[in-house]
């Protein structure tokens, strides 16, 4: 009889530990869904960001088209690493981002008022010989979530000067 009571105590302890482990997993899963499910370590984030940050700064339109293709591929492949693109030239303000993320409260302020489009449309507006300025913004996890592209305007020359003097 003594062995049976010890067996019941051991079985109860095992059931209790399974319950505690299950509760811990439940808490972990709910916390990852709150953070967007991004479980990348710093090395993975740097590797992911580095393919885009190589294009930061002044770039020719042909490089911008390559960057937009990479962002388009990224957005198609990763649901948890979507990158919003905001394109601005002298006549157009276009923004392309994943429709399921349209209600994000963390959208950059400079996107407000721009026309929603897709990356293919933006890519078609980029002129290969024009110089553009590219900026990136990251979320709290340091993962790139925003790419701003605008026509680069030199401080030394007037914006309406096309370089022809006669």
C-alpha atoms as a PDB file:
ATOM      1  CA  UNK A   1       0.000   0.000   0.000  1.00  0.00           C
ATOM      2  CA  UNK A   2       2.886   2.302   0.784  1.00  0.00           C
ATOM      3  CA  UNK A   3       4.317   1.837  -2.739  1.00  0.00           C
ATOM      4  CA  UNK A   4       0.944   2.687  -4.305  1.00  0.00           C
ATOM      5  CA  UNK A   5       0.722   5.990  -2.418  1.00  0.00           C
ATOM      6  CA  UNK A   6       4.267   6.907  -3.458  1.00  0.00           C
ATOM      7  CA  UNK A   7       3.378   6.085  -7.078  1.00  0.00           C
ATOM      8  CA  UNK A   8       0.327   8.362  -6.877  1.00  0.00           C
ATOM      9  CA  UNK A   9       2.442  11.191  -5.433  1.00  0.00           C
ATOM     10  CA  UNK A  10       5.020  10.781  -8.230  1.00  0.00           C
ATOM     11  CA  UNK A  11       2.262  10.689 -10.893  1.00  0.00           C
ATOM     12  CA  UNK A  12       0.724  13.855  -9.426  1.00  0.00           C
ATOM     13  CA  UNK A  13       4.116  15.601  -9.463  1.00  0.00           C
ATOM     14  CA  UNK A  14       4.622  14.641 -13.099  1.00  0.00           C
ATOM     15  CA  UNK A  15       1.176  15.943 -14.068  1.00  0.00           C
ATOM     16  CA  UNK A  16       1.837  19.172 -12.165  1.00  0.00           C
ATOM     17  CA  UNK A  17       5.183  19.674 -13.964  1.00  0.00           C
ATOM     18  CA  UNK A  18       3.534  19.063 -17.357  1.00  0.00           C
ATOM     19  CA  UNK A  19       0.913  21.667 -16.442  1.00  0.00           C
ATOM     20  CA  UNK A  20       3.589  24.217 -15.456  1.00  0.00           C
ATOM     21  CA  UNK A  21       5.581  23.585 -18.658  1.00  0.00           C
ATOM     22  CA  UNK A  22       2.405  23.973 -20.750  1.00  0.00           C
ATOM     23  CA  UNK A  23       1.574  27.222 -18.981  1.00  0.00           C
ATOM     24  CA  UNK A  24       5.114  28.506 -19.621  1.00  0.00           C
ATOM     25  CA  UNK A  25       4.847  27.677 -23.327  1.00  0.00           C
ATOM     26  CA  UNK A  26       1.485  29.419 -23.501  1.00  0.00           C
ATOM     27  CA  UNK A  27       2.922  32.593 -21.960  1.00  0.00           C
ATOM     28  CA  UNK A  28       5.916  32.459 -24.320  1.00  0.00           C
ATOM     29  CA  UNK A  29       3.711  32.029 -27.407  1.00  0.00           C
ATOM     30  CA  UNK A  30       1.450  34.899 -26.419  1.00  0.00           C
ATOM     31  CA  UNK A  31       4.441  37.179 -25.812  1.00  0.00           C
ATOM     32  CA  UNK A  32       5.931  36.418 -29.245  1.00  0.00           C
ATOM     33  CA  UNK A  33       2.619  37.199 -30.934  1.00  0.00           C
ATOM     34  CA  UNK A  34       2.588  40.593 -29.175  1.00  0.00           C
ATOM     35  CA  UNK A  35       6.070  41.404 -30.514  1.00  0.00           C
ATOM     36  CA  UNK A  36       5.057  40.444 -34.045  1.00  0.00           C
ATOM     37  CA  UNK A  37       6.507  36.946 -33.947  1.00  0.00           C
ATOM     38  CA  UNK A  38       9.973  38.143 -34.937  1.00  0.00           C
ATOM     39  CA  UNK A  39      12.425  35.808 -33.261  1.00  0.00           C
ATOM     40  CA  UNK A  40      15.662  36.907 -34.864  1.00  0.00           C
ATOM     41  CA  UNK A  41      18.902  37.309 -33.018  1.00  0.00           C
ATOM     42  CA  UNK A  42      21.145  40.334 -33.558  1.00  0.00           C
ATOM     43  CA  UNK A  43      23.313  38.536 -36.119  1.00  0.00           C
ATOM     44  CA  UNK A  44      20.313  37.563 -38.247  1.00  0.00           C
ATOM     45  CA  UNK A  45      18.951  41.104 -38.080  1.00  0.00           C
ATOM     46  CA  UNK A  46      22.315  42.590 -39.146  1.00  0.00           C
ATOM     47  CA  UNK A  47      22.559  40.100 -42.018  1.00  0.00           C
ATOM     48  CA  UNK A  48      19.021  40.881 -43.136  1.00  0.00           C
ATOM     49  CA  UNK A  49      19.503  44.655 -42.898  1.00  0.00           C
ATOM     50  CA  UNK A  50      22.929  44.676 -44.576  1.00  0.00           C
ATOM     51  CA  UNK A  51      21.515  43.630 -47.944  1.00  0.00           C
ATOM     52  CA  UNK A  52      19.468  46.853 -47.941  1.00  0.00           C
ATOM     53  CA  UNK A  53      21.714  49.329 -46.109  1.00  0.00           C
ATOM     54  CA  UNK A  54      24.313  48.946 -48.860  1.00  0.00           C
ATOM     55  CA  UNK A  55      21.961  51.180 -50.879  1.00  0.00           C
ATOM     56  CA  UNK A  56      21.661  53.909 -48.228  1.00  0.00           C
ATOM     57  CA  UNK A  57      22.654  57.437 -49.296  1.00  0.00           C
ATOM     58  CA  UNK A  58      22.946  58.739 -52.871  1.00  0.00           C
ATOM     59  CA  UNK A  59      22.215  56.171 -55.584  1.00  0.00           C
ATOM     60  CA  UNK A  60      21.521  56.220 -59.311  1.00  0.00           C
ATOM     61  CA  UNK A  61      18.093  55.124 -60.500  1.00  0.00           C
ATOM     62  CA  UNK A  62      19.412  51.792 -61.794  1.00  0.00           C
ATOM     63  CA  UNK A  63      20.564  50.931 -58.264  1.00  0.00           C
ATOM     64  CA  UNK A  64      17.190  52.051 -56.885  1.00  0.00           C
ATOM     65  CA  UNK A  65      15.440  49.640 -59.243  1.00  0.00           C
ATOM     66  CA  UNK A  66      17.654  46.831 -57.932  1.00  0.00           C
ATOM     67  CA  UNK A  67      16.866  47.832 -54.341  1.00  0.00           C
ATOM     68  CA  UNK A  68      13.122  47.894 -55.055  1.00  0.00           C
ATOM     69  CA  UNK A  69      13.358  44.413 -56.578  1.00  0.00           C
ATOM     70  CA  UNK A  70      15.093  43.164 -53.433  1.00  0.00           C
ATOM     71  CA  UNK A  71      12.435  44.754 -51.213  1.00  0.00           C
ATOM     72  CA  UNK A  72       9.680  43.265 -53.354  1.00  0.00           C
ATOM     73  CA  UNK A  73      11.259  39.803 -53.020  1.00  0.00           C
ATOM     74  CA  UNK A  74      11.704  40.310 -49.280  1.00  0.00           C
ATOM     75  CA  UNK A  75       8.053  41.299 -48.816  1.00  0.00           C
ATOM     76  CA  UNK A  76       6.894  38.270 -50.811  1.00  0.00           C
ATOM     77  CA  UNK A  77       9.100  35.870 -48.843  1.00  0.00           C
ATOM     78  CA  UNK A  78       8.771  37.118 -45.253  1.00  0.00           C
ATOM     79  CA  UNK A  79       5.462  37.996 -43.616  1.00  0.00           C
ATOM     80  CA  UNK A  80       7.221  39.239 -40.482  1.00  0.00           C
ATOM     81  CA  UNK A  81       9.836  41.420 -42.243  1.00  0.00           C
ATOM     82  CA  UNK A  82       7.719  43.658 -44.495  1.00  0.00           C
ATOM     83  CA  UNK A  83       9.378  46.871 -45.677  1.00  0.00           C
ATOM     84  CA  UNK A  84       7.302  49.932 -46.512  1.00  0.00           C
ATOM     85  CA  UNK A  85       8.574  52.014 -49.429  1.00  0.00           C
ATOM     86  CA  UNK A  86       7.877  55.732 -49.738  1.00  0.00           C
ATOM     87  CA  UNK A  87       8.904  57.288 -53.070  1.00  0.00           C
ATOM     88  CA  UNK A  88       8.907  61.010 -53.767  1.00  0.00           C
ATOM     89  CA  UNK A  89      10.005  62.857 -56.877  1.00  0.00           C
ATOM     90  CA  UNK A  90       9.090  66.368 -57.934  1.00  0.00           C
ATOM     91  CA  UNK A  91       5.633  65.344 -59.165  1.00  0.00           C
ATOM     92  CA  UNK A  92       4.716  62.182 -57.228  1.00  0.00           C
ATOM     93  CA  UNK A  93       4.435  60.901 -53.671  1.00  0.00           C
ATOM     94  CA  UNK A  94       3.845  57.135 -53.667  1.00  0.00           C
ATOM     95  CA  UNK A  95       3.833  54.675 -50.775  1.00  0.00           C
ATOM     96  CA  UNK A  96       3.868  50.890 -51.079  1.00  0.00           C
ATOM     97  CA  UNK A  97       3.290  48.665 -48.098  1.00  0.00           C
ATOM     98  CA  UNK A  98       1.622  45.442 -47.139  1.00  0.00           C
ATOM     99  CA  UNK A  99      -2.149  45.929 -46.888  1.00  0.00           C
ATOM    100  CA  UNK A 100      -2.403  43.902 -43.690  1.00  0.00           C
ATOM    101  CA  UNK A 101      -0.049  46.402 -42.036  1.00  0.00           C
ATOM    102  CA  UNK A 102      -1.928  49.506 -43.240  1.00  0.00           C
ATOM    103  CA  UNK A 103      -3.315  50.194 -39.760  1.00  0.00           C
ATOM    104  CA  UNK A 104       0.097  50.217 -38.063  1.00  0.00           C
ATOM    105  CA  UNK A 105       0.329  53.121 -35.653  1.00  0.00           C
ATOM    106  CA  UNK A 106       4.090  53.205 -36.038  1.00  0.00           C
ATOM    107  CA  UNK A 107       4.066  54.439 -39.629  1.00  0.00           C
ATOM    108  CA  UNK A 108       6.591  57.229 -40.253  1.00  0.00           C
ATOM    109  CA  UNK A 109       5.038  60.702 -40.291  1.00  0.00           C
ATOM    110  CA  UNK A 110       6.396  61.529 -43.756  1.00  0.00           C
ATOM    111  CA  UNK A 111       4.158  58.814 -45.256  1.00  0.00           C
ATOM    112  CA  UNK A 112       1.007  60.663 -44.323  1.00  0.00           C
ATOM    113  CA  UNK A 113      -0.825  62.060 -47.333  1.00  0.00           C
ATOM    114  CA  UNK A 114       1.058  60.049 -49.939  1.00  0.00           C
ATOM    115  CA  UNK A 115      -0.741  57.969 -52.516  1.00  0.00           C
ATOM    116  CA  UNK A 116      -0.813  54.208 -51.819  1.00  0.00           C
ATOM    117  CA  UNK A 117       0.719  52.180 -54.621  1.00  0.00           C
ATOM    118  CA  UNK A 118       2.672  48.986 -55.151  1.00  0.00           C
ATOM    119  CA  UNK A 119       6.415  48.541 -55.533  1.00  0.00           C
ATOM    120  CA  UNK A 120       6.131  47.692 -59.245  1.00  0.00           C
ATOM    121  CA  UNK A 121       4.484  51.072 -59.902  1.00  0.00           C
ATOM    122  CA  UNK A 122       7.183  52.871 -57.934  1.00  0.00           C
ATOM    123  CA  UNK A 123       9.862  50.941 -59.831  1.00  0.00           C
ATOM    124  CA  UNK A 124       8.316  52.160 -63.088  1.00  0.00           C
ATOM    125  CA  UNK A 125       8.557  55.795 -61.921  1.00  0.00           C
ATOM    126  CA  UNK A 126      12.298  55.578 -61.168  1.00  0.00           C
ATOM    127  CA  UNK A 127      14.489  57.120 -63.884  1.00  0.00           C
ATOM    128  CA  UNK A 128      17.773  55.264 -64.358  1.00  0.00           C
ATOM    129  CA  UNK A 129      19.999  58.334 -64.752  1.00  0.00           C
ATOM    130  CA  UNK A 130      18.460  60.377 -61.925  1.00  0.00           C
ATOM    131  CA  UNK A 131      20.227  60.459 -58.553  1.00  0.00           C
ATOM    132  CA  UNK A 132      18.108  59.561 -55.528  1.00  0.00           C
ATOM    133  CA  UNK A 133      18.594  59.730 -51.788  1.00  0.00           C
ATOM    134  CA  UNK A 134      17.746  56.555 -49.837  1.00  0.00           C
ATOM    135  CA  UNK A 135      17.003  56.380 -46.116  1.00  0.00           C
ATOM    136  CA  UNK A 136      15.946  53.500 -43.881  1.00  0.00           C
ATOM    137  CA  UNK A 137      14.148  53.312 -40.560  1.00  0.00           C
ATOM    138  CA  UNK A 138      14.016  50.387 -38.138  1.00  0.00           C
ATOM    139  CA  UNK A 139      11.516  49.126 -35.596  1.00  0.00           C
ATOM    140  CA  UNK A 140      12.205  48.443 -31.898  1.00  0.00           C
ATOM    141  CA  UNK A 141      14.008  45.216 -32.868  1.00  0.00           C
ATOM    142  CA  UNK A 142      16.357  47.169 -35.221  1.00  0.00           C
ATOM    143  CA  UNK A 143      14.813  45.441 -38.232  1.00  0.00           C
ATOM    144  CA  UNK A 144      14.360  47.658 -41.315  1.00  0.00           C
ATOM    145  CA  UNK A 145      10.658  48.413 -41.806  1.00  0.00           C
ATOM    146  CA  UNK A 146      10.788  51.597 -43.910  1.00  0.00           C
ATOM    147  CA  UNK A 147      12.669  52.733 -47.008  1.00  0.00           C
ATOM    148  CA  UNK A 148      12.405  56.344 -48.127  1.00  0.00           C
ATOM    149  CA  UNK A 149      13.452  57.232 -51.679  1.00  0.00           C
ATOM    150  CA  UNK A 150      13.460  60.786 -52.981  1.00  0.00           C
ATOM    151  CA  UNK A 151      15.152  62.737 -55.753  1.00  0.00           C
ATOM    152  CA  UNK A 152      18.521  63.969 -54.548  1.00  0.00           C
ATOM    153  CA  UNK A 153      18.834  67.726 -54.717  1.00  0.00           C
ATOM    154  CA  UNK A 154      22.303  69.187 -54.513  1.00  0.00           C
ATOM    155  CA  UNK A 155      22.713  72.165 -52.199  1.00  0.00           C
ATOM    156  CA  UNK A 156      25.201  73.793 -54.610  1.00  0.00           C
ATOM    157  CA  UNK A 157      22.980  73.890 -57.697  1.00  0.00           C
ATOM    158  CA  UNK A 158      19.456  75.232 -58.164  1.00  0.00           C
ATOM    159  CA  UNK A 159      16.810  72.502 -58.410  1.00  0.00           C
ATOM    160  CA  UNK A 160      15.431  73.845 -61.702  1.00  0.00           C
ATOM    161  CA  UNK A 161      18.868  73.914 -63.411  1.00  0.00           C
ATOM    162  CA  UNK A 162      19.252  70.950 -65.799  1.00  0.00           C
ATOM    163  CA  UNK A 163      22.976  71.554 -66.335  1.00  0.00           C
ATOM    164  CA  UNK A 164      22.680  73.070 -69.817  1.00  0.00           C
ATOM    165  CA  UNK A 165      24.080  76.568 -70.056  1.00  0.00           C
ATOM    166  CA  UNK A 166      23.348  77.370 -73.602  1.00  0.00           C
END
